[in-house]
Structures are given as C-alpha cells and as structure tokens.
C-alpha cells in the first residue's frame, strides 16, 4: 500500500466540495473568503457565523463540540456582526479588505489552473511522499490571474501581493530571476 500526499489544489477543491454539500447549506463563494482570513481561529469563527446565518444548527453543533470556548463564542459573535454589518458596534472581527479578497481569489484561480494543467480537470491531485507540489503558484502566476480576473486597473503592487500572501499563509513559489528566455522558431 502506497502513501500519497495531497496537493494544495486538492485540499481547496475538497473544502469547496464539503461546503457545497446540502447539509452545510453555505454559498460557494465562502471558500475564497475563508482563504482570505489570516488566522485559523477566525476562519473557524467565520464558518460558524455562516452556519448560524443559514440556520444550520446540526453542523454548528458538530463544529462547536470540537472548539467551544468563551473566546471562540465571542469571535463567532464578532464574525456574525461583521457579516450582518451591524452598525453602532465596533466588531473585533475583521473581514478581509476587497484587495485581500481579490488576491486570495487570484491565488485560488492560479492553483486551480495549475491543477488542471498537471492533473486534468476531473482527476485528484495526489503526490508521492517527498514529491514537490506542482500546484503551488509563483508570484507572477498569481499576478497574471489577478489581471485576468479583475483587470489591470485594480492590480496592487508586487509588494502588496507578496505580503498579503505571506500574511494569509498561502504558499507561493519564487519564480526564475532575470529576463524570460526568447523562444525562437
């Protein structure tokens, strides 16, 4: 029996598939925002807040049975307030800025594109242990996907993209340095 490792793209696909199941009842765009939230604790609180908003109490009970603490319940309240955009209260929970959300969406699109190139659309992304993950995008690929999705006008600086990816702990590879090679025919 062989051991396999999952690629980043397969983990993202599995998360989207789980959240799209009817028993969760969550909108599909939640997965991108989920990746745009930097702290794991806040990610869980955001997910729980959406479960409350969609009145999905059985799944909420499963989630709370694992991580129910008073601080986590406060974080859920803050996330719910941020989602509902309640006025008058300052929420401690910070939803990602539009730029951060767009960078996370670009990263997800780059990962998906690399997955489709390497494994095909319907195949699972499995690797042998010790094999490098080919679905981790470079900074340039994330930038190109950002341009494709949102246009040149909204493109932030390279520094902003790099620092946001590092803050969100989304892995990216460094590209080759120097000019690209000229392909002559």
Protein backbone atom coordinates (compact mmCIF):
# COMPACT_ATOMS: atom_id res chain seq x y z
CA UNK A 1 0.00 0.00 0.00
CA UNK A 2 1.40 3.37 -1.03
CA UNK A 3 1.15 6.60 0.90
CA UNK A 4 0.13 9.70 -1.00
CA UNK A 5 0.26 13.38 -0.20
CA UNK A 6 -2.44 15.86 -1.19
CA UNK A 7 -1.68 18.92 -3.25
CA UNK A 8 -2.83 22.40 -2.21
CA UNK A 9 -5.28 22.40 -5.10
CA UNK A 10 -6.84 19.14 -3.92
CA UNK A 11 -7.29 20.49 -0.39
CA UNK A 12 -9.00 23.61 -1.79
CA UNK A 13 -11.24 21.50 -4.05
CA UNK A 14 -12.19 19.24 -1.14
CA UNK A 15 -13.05 22.26 1.02
CA UNK A 16 -15.28 23.68 -1.71
CA UNK A 17 -16.93 20.28 -2.19
CA UNK A 18 -17.64 19.93 1.53
CA UNK A 19 -19.04 23.45 1.84
CA UNK A 20 -21.22 22.93 -1.25
CA UNK A 21 -22.94 19.87 0.24
CA UNK A 22 -26.62 20.44 1.06
CA UNK A 23 -26.19 19.65 4.76
CA UNK A 24 -23.81 22.62 5.11
CA UNK A 25 -26.03 24.97 3.09
CA UNK A 26 -23.31 27.56 2.52
CA UNK A 27 -22.73 29.75 -0.54
CA UNK A 28 -19.80 28.62 -2.74
CA UNK A 29 -18.02 31.99 -2.57
CA UNK A 30 -17.39 31.46 1.15
CA UNK A 31 -14.36 29.27 0.33
CA UNK A 32 -12.45 32.18 -1.23
CA UNK A 33 -13.17 34.47 1.73
CA UNK A 34 -12.22 31.59 4.04
CA UNK A 35 -8.73 31.60 2.48
CA UNK A 36 -8.58 35.41 2.73
CA UNK A 37 -8.86 35.35 6.55
CA UNK A 38 -5.41 35.12 8.06
CA UNK A 39 -5.96 33.41 11.43
CA UNK A 40 -7.14 29.81 11.66
CA UNK A 41 -9.21 30.72 14.73
CA UNK A 42 -11.00 33.47 12.80
CA UNK A 43 -11.55 31.12 9.86
CA UNK A 44 -13.45 28.72 12.12
CA UNK A 45 -15.44 31.59 13.64
CA UNK A 46 -16.34 32.86 10.15
CA UNK A 47 -17.53 29.38 9.16
CA UNK A 48 -19.60 29.08 12.36
CA UNK A 49 -21.14 32.52 11.77
CA UNK A 50 -22.27 31.46 8.32
CA UNK A 51 -23.77 28.29 9.79
CA UNK A 52 -25.76 30.44 12.23
CA UNK A 53 -26.83 32.83 9.47
CA UNK A 54 -28.05 29.90 7.36
CA UNK A 55 -29.69 28.30 10.45
CA UNK A 56 -27.72 25.10 10.02
CA UNK A 57 -27.65 24.09 13.66
CA UNK A 58 -26.71 20.37 13.31
CA UNK A 59 -23.42 21.24 11.57
CA UNK A 60 -22.87 24.09 14.03
CA UNK A 61 -23.21 21.61 16.91
CA UNK A 62 -20.55 19.39 15.32
CA UNK A 63 -18.20 22.36 14.94
CA UNK A 64 -18.83 23.68 18.45
CA UNK A 65 -18.31 20.26 20.02
CA UNK A 66 -14.67 20.49 18.94
CA UNK A 67 -13.80 24.12 19.72
CA UNK A 68 -16.37 25.63 22.08
CA UNK A 69 -14.65 28.14 24.38
CA UNK A 70 -15.91 31.52 25.60
CA UNK A 71 -13.38 33.38 23.43
CA UNK A 72 -14.41 31.34 20.39
CA UNK A 73 -18.07 32.16 21.01
CA UNK A 74 -17.15 35.87 21.20
CA UNK A 75 -15.26 35.51 17.93
CA UNK A 76 -18.37 33.94 16.36
CA UNK A 77 -20.44 36.89 17.56
CA UNK A 78 -17.92 39.32 16.09
CA UNK A 79 -17.89 37.41 12.79
CA UNK A 80 -21.69 37.38 12.67
CA UNK A 81 -21.74 41.12 13.37
CA UNK A 82 -19.24 41.68 10.58
CA UNK A 83 -21.26 39.54 8.17
CA UNK A 84 -24.51 41.29 9.02
CA UNK A 85 -22.71 44.66 9.02
CA UNK A 86 -24.38 45.73 12.23
CA UNK A 87 -23.94 49.42 12.83
CA UNK A 88 -23.16 51.05 16.16
CA UNK A 89 -20.87 48.27 17.42
CA UNK A 90 -17.25 48.02 16.57
CA UNK A 91 -16.61 44.43 15.60
CA UNK A 92 -13.28 42.93 16.63
CA UNK A 93 -13.58 40.54 13.71
CA UNK A 94 -12.07 41.97 10.56
CA UNK A 95 -13.45 40.74 7.28
CA UNK A 96 -10.77 40.89 4.60
CA UNK A 97 -10.46 44.06 2.55
CA UNK A 98 -11.54 43.88 -1.10
CA UNK A 99 -7.89 43.85 -2.19
CA UNK A 100 -7.09 40.92 0.13
CA UNK A 101 -10.20 39.11 -1.04
CA UNK A 102 -9.17 39.65 -4.68
CA UNK A 103 -5.61 38.43 -4.01
CA UNK A 104 -6.97 35.28 -2.34
CA UNK A 105 -9.34 34.71 -5.28
CA UNK A 106 -6.41 35.15 -7.70
CA UNK A 107 -4.32 32.67 -5.71
CA UNK A 108 -7.20 30.14 -5.78
CA UNK A 109 -7.62 30.64 -9.54
CA UNK A 110 -3.87 30.15 -10.11
CA UNK A 111 -3.90 26.96 -8.01
CA UNK A 112 -6.90 25.66 -9.95
CA UNK A 113 -5.25 26.46 -13.30
CA UNK A 114 -2.06 24.63 -12.29
CA UNK A 115 -4.12 21.67 -11.05
CA UNK A 116 -5.93 21.44 -14.39
CA UNK A 117 -2.65 21.65 -16.32
CA UNK A 118 -0.94 18.99 -14.21
CA UNK A 119 -3.71 16.54 -13.30
CA UNK A 120 -6.64 17.40 -15.58
CA UNK A 121 -10.00 18.78 -14.51
CA UNK A 122 -11.56 15.65 -13.03
CA UNK A 123 -8.52 13.94 -11.50
CA UNK A 124 -7.44 14.13 -7.89
CA UNK A 125 -4.18 15.84 -7.03
CA UNK A 126 -2.18 13.10 -5.34
CA UNK A 127 1.59 13.08 -4.96
CA UNK A 128 4.11 10.57 -3.78
CA UNK A 129 5.76 11.45 -0.44
CA UNK A 130 8.68 13.80 -0.92
CA UNK A 131 7.46 15.00 -4.31
CA UNK A 132 7.16 18.79 -4.65
CA UNK A 133 3.65 20.18 -5.05
CA UNK A 134 3.32 21.42 -8.65
CA UNK A 135 0.10 23.31 -7.91
CA UNK A 136 1.71 26.00 -5.76
CA UNK A 137 1.73 29.10 -7.97
CA UNK A 138 4.54 31.58 -8.42
CA UNK A 139 4.09 35.25 -7.63
CA UNK A 140 3.90 36.03 -11.37
CA UNK A 141 1.13 33.46 -11.89
CA UNK A 142 -0.92 34.97 -9.07
CA UNK A 143 -0.39 38.43 -10.58
CA UNK A 144 -1.43 37.21 -14.05
CA UNK A 145 -4.59 35.63 -12.64
CA UNK A 146 -5.36 38.87 -10.81
CA UNK A 147 -5.09 40.76 -14.11
CA UNK A 148 -7.30 38.21 -15.85
CA UNK A 149 -9.98 38.26 -13.14
CA UNK A 150 -10.03 41.91 -12.07
CA UNK A 151 -8.18 43.87 -14.75
CA UNK A 152 -5.04 45.98 -14.78
CA UNK A 153 -6.69 48.93 -13.01
CA UNK A 154 -7.12 47.12 -9.67
CA UNK A 155 -3.72 45.39 -9.72
CA UNK A 156 -1.85 46.16 -6.46
CA UNK A 157 1.92 46.42 -6.22
CA UNK A 158 4.07 43.29 -6.13
CA UNK A 159 4.97 44.05 -2.53
CA UNK A 160 1.28 44.12 -1.54
CA UNK A 161 0.61 40.79 -3.22
CA UNK A 162 3.66 39.17 -1.59
CA UNK A 163 2.93 40.48 1.90
CA UNK A 164 -0.77 39.53 1.74
CA UNK A 165 0.09 36.00 0.61
CA UNK A 166 2.56 35.73 3.49
CA UNK A 167 0.04 37.14 6.00
CA UNK A 168 -2.62 34.69 4.83
CA UNK A 169 -0.03 31.89 4.93
CA UNK A 170 -0.86 30.95 1.33
CA UNK A 171 2.19 29.27 -0.16
CA UNK A 172 3.77 30.57 -3.34
CA UNK A 173 6.97 29.73 -5.16
CA UNK A 174 9.58 32.22 -6.24
CA UNK A 175 9.95 32.47 -10.00
CA UNK A 176 13.12 32.33 -12.02
CA UNK A 177 15.14 35.52 -11.86
CA UNK A 178 16.05 37.58 -14.87
CA UNK A 179 14.52 38.03 -18.26
CA UNK A 180 12.37 35.32 -19.74
CA UNK A 181 14.05 33.31 -22.48
CA UNK A 182 13.21 34.28 -26.03
CA UNK A 183 11.62 31.41 -27.89
CA UNK A 184 12.79 31.43 -31.48
CA UNK A 185 11.15 29.41 -34.16
